[in-house]
Amino acid sequence: GYHPSVSSVLLCVVLCTVGPELRDVRRVLVKVQCRAANRESVFAKQSKMAEEAIQNGNNHTDIPEIELIIKASTIDGRRKGACLFCQEYFMDLYLLAELKTVCLKVTTVDMQKPPPDFRTNFEATPPPILIDNGLAVLENEKIERHIMKNVPGGHNLFVQDKEVATLIENLYSKLKLMLLKKDEVSTNNLMSHLRKINAHLQRNNQRFLTGDTMCCFDCELMPRLQHIRVAGKYFLDFDIPVELAALWRYMYHMYQLDAFTQSCPADQDIINHYKLQQGMKMKKHEELETPTFTTSIPVGVSIDDTVN
């Protein structure tokens, strides 16, 4: 197999697209240079530990390779799709790859035309699917547990915080209800939930949900916020209010991170995800559109109050 090396400066992630047969995988090596601003803060403590491990004799040959199979775009069948759980685990594992505890390979599979070998190996199981040393881990809860207990460094991501767990719970169901009902009540319910998250961030005055380092809750929340932003705007002209400044500053910090931008689906894929749920057909010109990614912050939002 192919094992990309991981240097102390560059993070190597293999992005694969499954063709008609799994053996026809097209591999693209993406070398992502860590932004200097992120290098000094988000995982400073853990990064130091990883560097010490390398200095003590652990090189890239000791780093286990983890493969994450995710759903491909429902538009072109190749790029990253809009599956929330796929992005969540992509972010978890990407953070660990940045710490050089794992070497990450991400494979996209077109579930509208799954290749025969995929159907043989995994039957009707949809991604995300995690493969660790030949062991295929299916089902979301089992994947989370495996990352936490079996993937090097994974336990650092899964912090225990009942308040935050309760805070972000059911946010996605409120988005789906708003898109379905398209009424004031469901919109107000979603707005109320966003205000609670904003209040938590404002009260704690920290970069992320549980502190100044990212954890599993951030990898769960941010993809959902992106869906709220993109799908809400497209279908209902819904905007996250500018006055939710703490929430916008949180999103600003997330938009600076490779773990989010490298795992984030295109706006068009997020929109098509909900079109399919609503039985709507994609227009021909939409299939041909160049993918766009909404990662800007409203002009009225001040980031001067961001946590240093």
C-alpha atoms as a PDB file:
ATOM      1  CA  GLY A   1       0.000   0.000   0.000  1.00  0.00           C
ATOM      2  CA  TYR A   2       0.879   3.637  -0.236  1.00  0.00           C
ATOM      3  CA  HIS A   3       2.068   5.280   2.975  1.00  0.00           C
ATOM      4  CA  PRO A   4       2.633   9.049   2.701  1.00  0.00           C
ATOM      5  CA  SER A   5       5.353  10.406   4.917  1.00  0.00           C
ATOM      6  CA  VAL A   6       4.594  13.038   7.539  1.00  0.00           C
ATOM      7  CA  SER A   7       7.216  15.697   8.119  1.00  0.00           C
ATOM      8  CA  SER A   8       7.400  18.109  11.013  1.00  0.00           C
ATOM      9  CA  VAL A   9       6.152  20.964   8.811  1.00  0.00           C
ATOM     10  CA  LEU A  10       3.790  19.453   6.275  1.00  0.00           C
ATOM     11  CA  LEU A  11       0.672  17.436   6.934  1.00  0.00           C
ATOM     12  CA  CYS A  12       0.048  14.761   4.323  1.00  0.00           C
ATOM     13  CA  VAL A  13      -3.502  13.655   3.694  1.00  0.00           C
ATOM     14  CA  VAL A  14      -4.378  11.279   0.886  1.00  0.00           C
ATOM     15  CA  LEU A  15      -7.677  12.099  -0.766  1.00  0.00           C
ATOM     16  CA  CYS A  16      -9.034   9.240  -2.843  1.00  0.00           C
ATOM     17  CA  THR A  17     -11.954   8.990  -5.198  1.00  0.00           C
ATOM     18  CA  VAL A  18     -13.361   5.526  -5.772  1.00  0.00           C
ATOM     19  CA  GLY A  19     -14.014   4.778  -9.425  1.00  0.00           C
ATOM     20  CA  PRO A  20     -15.976   1.889 -10.930  1.00  0.00           C
ATOM     21  CA  GLU A  21     -13.712  -0.509  -9.018  1.00  0.00           C
ATOM     22  CA  LEU A  22     -11.929   0.043  -5.743  1.00  0.00           C
ATOM     23  CA  ARG A  23      -8.658  -0.884  -7.403  1.00  0.00           C
ATOM     24  CA  ASP A  24      -9.119   2.114  -9.719  1.00  0.00           C
ATOM     25  CA  VAL A  25      -8.815   4.550  -6.858  1.00  0.00           C
ATOM     26  CA  ARG A  26      -7.430   7.875  -8.004  1.00  0.00           C
ATOM     27  CA  ARG A  27      -5.030   9.143  -5.357  1.00  0.00           C
ATOM     28  CA  VAL A  28      -4.246  12.773  -4.872  1.00  0.00           C
ATOM     29  CA  LEU A  29      -1.666  13.743  -2.308  1.00  0.00           C
ATOM     30  CA  VAL A  30      -2.500  17.014  -0.643  1.00  0.00           C
ATOM     31  CA  LYS A  31       0.245  18.657   1.365  1.00  0.00           C
ATOM     32  CA  VAL A  32      -1.273  21.189   3.688  1.00  0.00           C
ATOM     33  CA  GLN A  33       1.013  23.648   5.362  1.00  0.00           C
ATOM     34  CA  CYS A  34      -0.199  24.526   8.836  1.00  0.00           C
ATOM     35  CA  ARG A  35      -1.021  28.205   9.185  1.00  0.00           C
ATOM     36  CA  ALA A  36       1.417  29.945  11.502  1.00  0.00           C
ATOM     37  CA  ALA A  37      -1.385  31.474  13.538  1.00  0.00           C
ATOM     38  CA  ASN A  38      -2.857  28.067  14.237  1.00  0.00           C
ATOM     39  CA  ARG A  39       0.463  26.411  14.940  1.00  0.00           C
ATOM     40  CA  GLU A  40       1.105  28.609  17.952  1.00  0.00           C
ATOM     41  CA  SER A  41      -2.216  28.143  19.668  1.00  0.00           C
ATOM     42  CA  VAL A  42      -4.792  25.463  19.097  1.00  0.00           C
ATOM     43  CA  PHE A  43      -2.854  22.353  19.959  1.00  0.00           C
ATOM     44  CA  ALA A  44       0.378  23.805  21.337  1.00  0.00           C
ATOM     45  CA  LYS A  45       0.606  21.402  24.254  1.00  0.00           C
ATOM     46  CA  GLN A  46      -0.282  18.281  22.282  1.00  0.00           C
ATOM     47  CA  SER A  47       1.993  19.318  19.398  1.00  0.00           C
ATOM     48  CA  LYS A  48       4.902  19.609  21.790  1.00  0.00           C
ATOM     49  CA  MET A  49       4.220  16.070  22.984  1.00  0.00           C
ATOM     50  CA  ALA A  50       4.114  14.847  19.395  1.00  0.00           C
ATOM     51  CA  GLU A  51       7.410  16.581  18.580  1.00  0.00           C
ATOM     52  CA  GLU A  52       9.024  14.987  21.644  1.00  0.00           C
ATOM     53  CA  ALA A  53       7.820  11.588  20.481  1.00  0.00           C
ATOM     54  CA  ILE A  54       9.442  12.159  17.082  1.00  0.00           C
ATOM     55  CA  GLN A  55      12.682  13.306  18.704  1.00  0.00           C
ATOM     56  CA  ASN A  56      12.700  10.168  20.840  1.00  0.00           C
ATOM     57  CA  GLY A  57      12.912   8.020  17.767  1.00  0.00           C
ATOM     58  CA  ASN A  58       9.390   7.747  16.410  1.00  0.00           C
ATOM     59  CA  ASN A  59       9.366   8.596  12.723  1.00  0.00           C
ATOM     60  CA  HIS A  60       6.631   8.407  10.101  1.00  0.00           C
ATOM     61  CA  THR A  61       7.004   4.639   9.748  1.00  0.00           C
ATOM     62  CA  ASP A  62       5.625   4.309  13.291  1.00  0.00           C
ATOM     63  CA  ILE A  63       2.543   6.389  12.525  1.00  0.00           C
ATOM     64  CA  PRO A  64      -0.524   4.220  11.880  1.00  0.00           C
ATOM     65  CA  GLU A  65      -2.573   4.859   8.760  1.00  0.00           C
ATOM     66  CA  ILE A  66      -6.277   5.439   9.275  1.00  0.00           C
ATOM     67  CA  GLU A  67      -8.671   5.388   6.354  1.00  0.00           C
ATOM     68  CA  LEU A  68     -11.983   7.203   6.505  1.00  0.00           C
ATOM     69  CA  ILE A  69     -14.524   6.400   3.805  1.00  0.00           C
ATOM     70  CA  ILE A  70     -16.983   9.253   3.302  1.00  0.00           C
ATOM     71  CA  LYS A  71     -19.937   9.935   1.020  1.00  0.00           C
ATOM     72  CA  ALA A  72     -19.054  11.638  -2.242  1.00  0.00           C
ATOM     73  CA  SER A  73     -20.823  14.630  -3.689  1.00  0.00           C
ATOM     74  CA  THR A  74     -24.328  13.898  -5.013  1.00  0.00           C
ATOM     75  CA  ILE A  75     -23.488  16.296  -7.858  1.00  0.00           C
ATOM     76  CA  ASP A  76     -20.274  14.944  -9.357  1.00  0.00           C
ATOM     77  CA  GLY A  77     -19.799  11.716  -7.373  1.00  0.00           C
ATOM     78  CA  ARG A  78     -16.165  12.544  -6.683  1.00  0.00           C
ATOM     79  CA  ARG A  79     -15.561  15.446  -4.332  1.00  0.00           C
ATOM     80  CA  LYS A  80     -16.557  15.539  -0.646  1.00  0.00           C
ATOM     81  CA  GLY A  81     -20.273  15.177  -0.012  1.00  0.00           C
ATOM     82  CA  ALA A  82     -22.447  16.981   2.530  1.00  0.00           C
ATOM     83  CA  CYS A  83     -22.752  14.178   5.101  1.00  0.00           C
ATOM     84  CA  LEU A  84     -22.492  15.796   8.546  1.00  0.00           C
ATOM     85  CA  PHE A  85     -21.074  12.741  10.306  1.00  0.00           C
ATOM     86  CA  CYS A  86     -18.497  12.252   7.545  1.00  0.00           C
ATOM     87  CA  GLN A  87     -17.224  15.787   8.032  1.00  0.00           C
ATOM     88  CA  GLU A  88     -17.291  15.468  11.820  1.00  0.00           C
ATOM     89  CA  TYR A  89     -15.016  12.404  11.835  1.00  0.00           C
ATOM     90  CA  PHE A  90     -12.895  13.866   9.023  1.00  0.00           C
ATOM     91  CA  MET A  91     -12.237  16.846  11.310  1.00  0.00           C
ATOM     92  CA  ASP A  92     -11.483  14.638  14.320  1.00  0.00           C
ATOM     93  CA  LEU A  93      -8.943  12.584  12.394  1.00  0.00           C
ATOM     94  CA  TYR A  94      -7.481  15.592  10.575  1.00  0.00           C
ATOM     95  CA  LEU A  95      -6.654  17.180  13.924  1.00  0.00           C
ATOM     96  CA  LEU A  96      -4.890  13.981  14.964  1.00  0.00           C
ATOM     97  CA  ALA A  97      -3.016  13.916  11.646  1.00  0.00           C
ATOM     98  CA  GLU A  98      -1.849  17.470  12.345  1.00  0.00           C
ATOM     99  CA  LEU A  99      -0.448  16.189  15.633  1.00  0.00           C
ATOM    100  CA  LYS A 100       1.279  13.412  13.662  1.00  0.00           C
ATOM    101  CA  THR A 101      -0.288  10.634  15.710  1.00  0.00           C
ATOM    102  CA  VAL A 102      -1.941   9.167  12.573  1.00  0.00           C
ATOM    103  CA  CYS A 103      -1.572   9.323   8.816  1.00  0.00           C
ATOM    104  CA  LEU A 104      -5.004   9.965   7.331  1.00  0.00           C
ATOM    105  CA  LYS A 105      -6.394   8.680   4.056  1.00  0.00           C
ATOM    106  CA  VAL A 106      -9.864   9.868   3.067  1.00  0.00           C
ATOM    107  CA  THR A 107     -11.802   8.023   0.358  1.00  0.00           C
ATOM    108  CA  THR A 108     -14.984   9.347  -1.223  1.00  0.00           C
ATOM    109  CA  VAL A 109     -17.579   6.869  -2.493  1.00  0.00           C
ATOM    110  CA  ASP A 110     -20.462   7.712  -4.809  1.00  0.00           C
ATOM    111  CA  MET A 111     -23.408   6.131  -2.990  1.00  0.00           C
ATOM    112  CA  GLN A 112     -25.706   6.693  -5.958  1.00  0.00           C
ATOM    113  CA  LYS A 113     -23.485   4.302  -7.927  1.00  0.00           C
ATOM    114  CA  PRO A 114     -21.450   2.378  -5.350  1.00  0.00           C
ATOM    115  CA  PRO A 115     -18.706   0.245  -6.917  1.00  0.00           C
ATOM    116  CA  PRO A 116     -19.177  -3.548  -6.793  1.00  0.00           C
ATOM    117  CA  ASP A 117     -16.206  -4.079  -4.480  1.00  0.00           C
ATOM    118  CA  PHE A 118     -17.645  -1.598  -2.004  1.00  0.00           C
ATOM    119  CA  ARG A 119     -20.998  -3.392  -1.973  1.00  0.00           C
ATOM    120  CA  THR A 120     -19.217  -6.716  -1.492  1.00  0.00           C
ATOM    121  CA  ASN A 121     -17.164  -5.487   1.446  1.00  0.00           C
ATOM    122  CA  PHE A 122     -19.726  -3.342   3.230  1.00  0.00           C
ATOM    123  CA  GLU A 123     -23.093  -4.527   1.853  1.00  0.00           C
ATOM    124  CA  ALA A 124     -25.677  -1.789   2.469  1.00  0.00           C
ATOM    125  CA  THR A 125     -23.684   0.095   5.100  1.00  0.00           C
ATOM    126  CA  PRO A 126     -23.360   3.771   4.138  1.00  0.00           C
ATOM    127  CA  PRO A 127     -20.332   5.890   5.044  1.00  0.00           C
ATOM    128  CA  PRO A 128     -18.777   7.072   7.228  1.00  0.00           C
ATOM    129  CA  ILE A 129     -16.699   3.934   7.616  1.00  0.00           C
ATOM    130  CA  LEU A 130     -13.381   3.888   9.450  1.00  0.00           C
ATOM    131  CA  ILE A 131     -10.670   1.362   8.602  1.00  0.00           C
ATOM    132  CA  ASP A 132      -7.868   0.892  11.117  1.00  0.00           C
ATOM    133  CA  ASN A 133      -5.229  -1.766  10.469  1.00  0.00           C
ATOM    134  CA  GLY A 134      -7.652  -3.827   8.388  1.00  0.00           C
ATOM    135  CA  LEU A 135     -10.500  -3.494  10.880  1.00  0.00           C
ATOM    136  CA  ALA A 136     -13.628  -1.862   9.448  1.00  0.00           C
ATOM    137  CA  VAL A 137     -15.575   0.133  12.025  1.00  0.00           C
ATOM    138  CA  LEU A 138     -19.193   0.757  11.046  1.00  0.00           C
ATOM    139  CA  GLU A 139     -21.909   2.867  12.705  1.00  0.00           C
ATOM    140  CA  ASN A 140     -21.379   6.359  14.075  1.00  0.00           C
ATOM    141  CA  GLU A 141     -21.276   5.552  17.780  1.00  0.00           C
ATOM    142  CA  LYS A 142     -18.745   2.764  17.223  1.00  0.00           C
ATOM    143  CA  ILE A 143     -16.568   5.069  15.115  1.00  0.00           C
ATOM    144  CA  GLU A 144     -16.571   7.695  17.878  1.00  0.00           C
ATOM    145  CA  ARG A 145     -15.708   5.078  20.476  1.00  0.00           C
ATOM    146  CA  HIS A 146     -12.910   3.677  18.307  1.00  0.00           C
ATOM    147  CA  ILE A 147     -11.346   7.108  17.754  1.00  0.00           C
ATOM    148  CA  MET A 148     -11.557   7.825  21.486  1.00  0.00           C
ATOM    149  CA  LYS A 149     -10.183   4.501  22.720  1.00  0.00           C
ATOM    150  CA  ASN A 150      -8.050   3.078  19.919  1.00  0.00           C
ATOM    151  CA  VAL A 151      -6.683   5.880  17.738  1.00  0.00           C
ATOM    152  CA  PRO A 152      -3.478   7.460  19.144  1.00  0.00           C
ATOM    153  CA  GLY A 153      -4.288  10.835  20.689  1.00  0.00           C
ATOM    154  CA  GLY A 154      -8.016  10.368  20.203  1.00  0.00           C
ATOM    155  CA  HIS A 155      -8.818  10.508  23.906  1.00  0.00           C
ATOM    156  CA  ASN A 156      -7.666  14.147  23.948  1.00  0.00           C
ATOM    157  CA  LEU A 157     -10.495  15.115  21.602  1.00  0.00           C
ATOM    158  CA  PHE A 158     -13.317  13.540  23.576  1.00  0.00           C
ATOM    159  CA  VAL A 159     -13.704  15.725  26.633  1.00  0.00           C
ATOM    160  CA  GLN A 160     -16.509  15.224  29.122  1.00  0.00           C
ATOM    161  CA  ASP A 161     -18.774  18.267  29.352  1.00  0.00           C
ATOM    162  CA  LYS A 162     -22.477  17.600  29.917  1.00  0.00           C
ATOM    163  CA  GLU A 163     -23.387  21.288  29.633  1.00  0.00           C
ATOM    164  CA  VAL A 164     -21.875  21.613  26.162  1.00  0.00           C
ATOM    165  CA  ALA A 165     -23.223  18.230  25.049  1.00  0.00           C
ATOM    166  CA  THR A 166     -26.727  19.345  26.009  1.00  0.00           C
ATOM    167  CA  LEU A 167     -26.182  22.794  24.483  1.00  0.00           C
ATOM    168  CA  ILE A 168     -25.504  21.566  20.947  1.00  0.00           C
ATOM    169  CA  GLU A 169     -27.907  18.611  21.070  1.00  0.00           C
ATOM    170  CA  ASN A 170     -30.876  18.724  18.673  1.00  0.00           C
ATOM    171  CA  LEU A 171     -29.596  21.787  16.789  1.00  0.00           C
ATOM    172  CA  TYR A 172     -29.639  19.908  13.503  1.00  0.00           C
ATOM    173  CA  SER A 173     -33.181  18.619  14.012  1.00  0.00           C
ATOM    174  CA  LYS A 174     -34.328  22.230  14.363  1.00  0.00           C
ATOM    175  CA  LEU A 175     -32.730  23.107  11.041  1.00  0.00           C
ATOM    176  CA  LYS A 176     -34.481  20.198   9.337  1.00  0.00           C
ATOM    177  CA  LEU A 177     -37.800  21.190  10.882  1.00  0.00           C
ATOM    178  CA  MET A 178     -37.361  24.786   9.720  1.00  0.00           C
ATOM    179  CA  LEU A 179     -36.624  23.653   6.159  1.00  0.00           C
ATOM    180  CA  LEU A 180     -39.669  21.378   6.254  1.00  0.00           C
ATOM    181  CA  LYS A 181     -42.203  23.679   7.925  1.00  0.00           C
ATOM    182  CA  LYS A 182     -40.952  27.002   6.566  1.00  0.00           C
ATOM    183  CA  ASP A 183     -42.869  28.829   9.288  1.00  0.00           C
ATOM    184  CA  GLU A 184     -42.168  31.393  11.987  1.00  0.00           C
ATOM    185  CA  VAL A 185     -42.411  28.946  14.881  1.00  0.00           C
ATOM    186  CA  SER A 186     -39.712  26.589  13.593  1.00  0.00           C
ATOM    187  CA  THR A 187     -37.499  29.524  12.606  1.00  0.00           C
ATOM    188  CA  ASN A 188     -37.827  31.034  16.083  1.00  0.00           C
ATOM    189  CA  ASN A 189     -36.972  27.683  17.676  1.00  0.00           C
ATOM    190  CA  LEU A 190     -33.742  27.522  15.689  1.00  0.00           C
ATOM    191  CA  MET A 191     -32.961  31.157  16.503  1.00  0.00           C
ATOM    192  CA  SER A 192     -33.506  30.506  20.210  1.00  0.00           C
ATOM    193  CA  HIS A 193     -31.041  27.617  20.098  1.00  0.00           C
ATOM    194  CA  LEU A 194     -28.421  29.717  18.297  1.00  0.00           C
ATOM    195  CA  ARG A 195     -28.819  32.447  20.928  1.00  0.00           C
ATOM    196  CA  LYS A 196     -28.116  29.914  23.687  1.00  0.00           C
ATOM    197  CA  ILE A 197     -24.898  28.836  21.966  1.00  0.00           C
ATOM    198  CA  ASN A 198     -23.951  32.493  21.489  1.00  0.00           C
ATOM    199  CA  ALA A 199     -24.588  33.187  25.191  1.00  0.00           C
ATOM    200  CA  HIS A 200     -22.378  30.245  26.214  1.00  0.00           C
ATOM    201  CA  LEU A 201     -19.517  31.455  24.016  1.00  0.00           C
ATOM    202  CA  GLN A 202     -19.912  35.019  25.241  1.00  0.00           C
ATOM    203  CA  ARG A 203     -20.022  33.966  28.887  1.00  0.00           C
ATOM    204  CA  ASN A 204     -16.945  31.730  28.718  1.00  0.00           C
ATOM    205  CA  ASN A 205     -14.959  34.087  26.452  1.00  0.00           C
ATOM    206  CA  GLN A 206     -12.963  31.219  24.951  1.00  0.00           C
ATOM    207  CA  ARG A 207     -11.947  30.393  21.420  1.00  0.00           C
ATOM    208  CA  PHE A 208     -13.861  27.100  21.279  1.00  0.00           C
ATOM    209  CA  LEU A 209     -16.760  25.429  23.081  1.00  0.00           C
ATOM    210  CA  THR A 210     -14.859  24.007  26.041  1.00  0.00           C
ATOM    211  CA  GLY A 211     -11.729  26.154  26.089  1.00  0.00           C
ATOM    212  CA  ASP A 212      -8.915  27.365  23.849  1.00  0.00           C
ATOM    213  CA  THR A 213      -8.320  23.964  22.238  1.00  0.00           C
ATOM    214  CA  MET A 214     -10.701  22.177  19.910  1.00  0.00           C
ATOM    215  CA  CYS A 215     -12.545  19.049  20.943  1.00  0.00           C
ATOM    216  CA  CYS A 216     -15.124  16.629  19.579  1.00  0.00           C
ATOM    217  CA  PHE A 217     -17.970  19.077  20.298  1.00  0.00           C
ATOM    218  CA  ASP A 218     -16.467  21.658  17.924  1.00  0.00           C
ATOM    219  CA  CYS A 219     -16.142  19.018  15.213  1.00  0.00           C
ATOM    220  CA  GLU A 220     -19.824  18.255  15.743  1.00  0.00           C
ATOM    221  CA  LEU A 221     -21.141  21.815  15.950  1.00  0.00           C
ATOM    222  CA  MET A 222     -19.326  23.649  13.161  1.00  0.00           C
ATOM    223  CA  PRO A 223     -20.490  21.458  10.234  1.00  0.00           C
ATOM    224  CA  ARG A 224     -24.061  21.960  11.477  1.00  0.00           C
ATOM    225  CA  LEU A 225     -23.597  25.719  11.662  1.00  0.00           C
ATOM    226  CA  GLN A 226     -22.327  25.649   8.078  1.00  0.00           C
ATOM    227  CA  HIS A 227     -25.432  23.760   6.947  1.00  0.00           C
ATOM    228  CA  ILE A 228     -27.640  26.245   8.806  1.00  0.00           C
ATOM    229  CA  ARG A 229     -25.842  29.129   7.133  1.00  0.00           C
ATOM    230  CA  VAL A 230     -25.791  27.781   3.578  1.00  0.00           C
ATOM    231  CA  ALA A 231     -29.085  25.861   3.392  1.00  0.00           C
ATOM    232  CA  GLY A 232     -30.980  28.378   5.521  1.00  0.00           C
ATOM    233  CA  LYS A 233     -29.952  31.198   3.205  1.00  0.00           C
ATOM    234  CA  TYR A 234     -30.735  29.302   0.014  1.00  0.00           C
ATOM    235  CA  PHE A 235     -34.152  27.907   0.915  1.00  0.00           C
ATOM    236  CA  LEU A 236     -35.535  30.547   3.317  1.00  0.00           C
ATOM    237  CA  ASP A 237     -33.241  33.570   3.023  1.00  0.00           C
ATOM    238  CA  PHE A 238     -32.351  32.872   6.667  1.00  0.00           C
ATOM    239  CA  ASP A 239     -29.272  34.580   8.086  1.00  0.00           C
ATOM    240  CA  ILE A 240     -27.564  34.085  11.408  1.00  0.00           C
ATOM    241  CA  PRO A 241     -28.071  37.535  12.976  1.00  0.00           C
ATOM    242  CA  VAL A 242     -25.041  39.822  13.082  1.00  0.00           C
ATOM    243  CA  GLU A 243     -25.790  40.601  16.736  1.00  0.00           C
ATOM    244  CA  LEU A 244     -24.816  37.028  17.672  1.00  0.00           C
ATOM    245  CA  ALA A 245     -21.249  38.316  17.714  1.00  0.00           C
ATOM    246  CA  ALA A 246     -19.748  35.587  19.897  1.00  0.00           C
ATOM    247  CA  LEU A 247     -21.130  32.908  17.575  1.00  0.00           C
ATOM    248  CA  TRP A 248     -19.755  34.685  14.517  1.00  0.00           C
ATOM    249  CA  ARG A 249     -16.354  35.044  16.155  1.00  0.00           C
ATOM    250  CA  TYR A 250     -16.434  31.330  16.903  1.00  0.00           C
ATOM    251  CA  MET A 251     -17.190  30.617  13.235  1.00  0.00           C
ATOM    252  CA  TYR A 252     -14.415  33.008  12.221  1.00  0.00           C
ATOM    253  CA  HIS A 253     -11.885  30.999  14.239  1.00  0.00           C
ATOM    254  CA  MET A 254     -13.172  27.751  12.727  1.00  0.00           C
ATOM    255  CA  TYR A 255     -12.865  29.149   9.207  1.00  0.00           C
ATOM    256  CA  GLN A 256      -9.135  29.710   9.866  1.00  0.00           C
ATOM    257  CA  LEU A 257      -8.532  26.020  10.563  1.00  0.00           C
ATOM    258  CA  ASP A 258      -7.443  23.521   7.929  1.00  0.00           C
ATOM    259  CA  ALA A 259      -9.364  20.821   9.782  1.00  0.00           C
ATOM    260  CA  PHE A 260     -12.579  22.607   8.819  1.00  0.00           C
ATOM    261  CA  THR A 261     -11.739  24.029   5.393  1.00  0.00           C
ATOM    262  CA  GLN A 262     -10.229  20.760   4.107  1.00  0.00           C
ATOM    263  CA  SER A 263     -13.263  18.749   5.234  1.00  0.00           C
ATOM    264  CA  CYS A 264     -15.988  21.253   4.318  1.00  0.00           C
ATOM    265  CA  PRO A 265     -18.287  20.375   1.389  1.00  0.00           C
ATOM    266  CA  ALA A 266     -19.071  22.915  -1.301  1.00  0.00           C
ATOM    267  CA  ASP A 267     -22.121  25.146  -0.891  1.00  0.00           C
ATOM    268  CA  GLN A 268     -23.695  23.429  -3.894  1.00  0.00           C
ATOM    269  CA  ASP A 269     -23.374  20.015  -2.239  1.00  0.00           C
ATOM    270  CA  ILE A 270     -24.974  21.238   0.982  1.00  0.00           C
ATOM    271  CA  ILE A 271     -27.874  22.723  -1.001  1.00  0.00           C
ATOM    272  CA  ASN A 272     -28.316  19.610  -3.125  1.00  0.00           C
ATOM    273  CA  HIS A 273     -28.315  17.456   0.013  1.00  0.00           C
ATOM    274  CA  TYR A 274     -31.551  19.122   1.130  1.00  0.00           C
ATOM    275  CA  LYS A 275     -32.992  19.312  -2.370  1.00  0.00           C
ATOM    276  CA  LEU A 276     -32.809  15.534  -2.536  1.00  0.00           C
ATOM    277  CA  GLN A 277     -34.468  15.254   0.863  1.00  0.00           C
ATOM    278  CA  GLN A 278     -37.314  17.422  -0.394  1.00  0.00           C
ATOM    279  CA  GLY A 279     -37.670  15.522  -3.669  1.00  0.00           C
ATOM    280  CA  MET A 280     -36.391  18.445  -5.730  1.00  0.00           C
ATOM    281  CA  LYS A 281     -34.334  17.923  -8.866  1.00  0.00           C
ATOM    282  CA  MET A 282     -31.083  19.690  -9.551  1.00  0.00           C
ATOM    283  CA  LYS A 283     -30.993  21.938 -12.592  1.00  0.00           C
ATOM    284  CA  LYS A 284     -28.472  21.227 -15.328  1.00  0.00           C
ATOM    285  CA  HIS A 285     -26.587  24.497 -14.860  1.00  0.00           C
ATOM    286  CA  GLU A 286     -26.153  23.680 -11.160  1.00  0.00           C
ATOM    287  CA  GLU A 287     -24.284  20.503 -12.061  1.00  0.00           C
ATOM    288  CA  LEU A 288     -21.811  22.574 -14.067  1.00  0.00           C
ATOM    289  CA  GLU A 289     -21.264  25.299 -11.471  1.00  0.00           C
ATOM    290  CA  THR A 290     -17.795  25.792 -10.061  1.00  0.00           C
ATOM    291  CA  PRO A 291     -17.918  24.762  -6.390  1.00  0.00           C
ATOM    292  CA  THR A 292     -18.071  27.675  -3.961  1.00  0.00           C
ATOM    293  CA  PHE A 293     -17.358  27.741  -0.238  1.00  0.00           C
ATOM    294  CA  THR A 294     -18.972  30.311   2.062  1.00  0.00           C
ATOM    295  CA  THR A 295     -16.384  31.148   4.716  1.00  0.00           C
ATOM    296  CA  SER A 296     -16.724  34.923   4.995  1.00  0.00           C
ATOM    297  CA  ILE A 297     -17.836  36.880   8.033  1.00  0.00           C
ATOM    298  CA  PRO A 298     -20.508  39.621   7.795  1.00  0.00           C
ATOM    299  CA  VAL A 299     -19.117  43.143   7.532  1.00  0.00           C
ATOM    300  CA  GLY A 300     -20.976  44.204  10.665  1.00  0.00           C
ATOM    301  CA  VAL A 301     -19.236  41.634  12.870  1.00  0.00           C
ATOM    302  CA  SER A 302     -16.246  42.845  14.843  1.00  0.00           C
ATOM    303  CA  ILE A 303     -13.488  40.311  15.385  1.00  0.00           C
ATOM    304  CA  ASP A 304     -11.458  42.729  17.533  1.00  0.00           C
ATOM    305  CA  ASP A 305     -12.875  41.090  20.648  1.00  0.00           C
ATOM    306  CA  THR A 306     -11.603  37.663  19.655  1.00  0.00           C
ATOM    307  CA  VAL A 307      -9.710  35.640  22.211  1.00  0.00           C
ATOM    308  CA  ASN A 308      -5.969  35.959  21.766  1.00  0.00           C
END
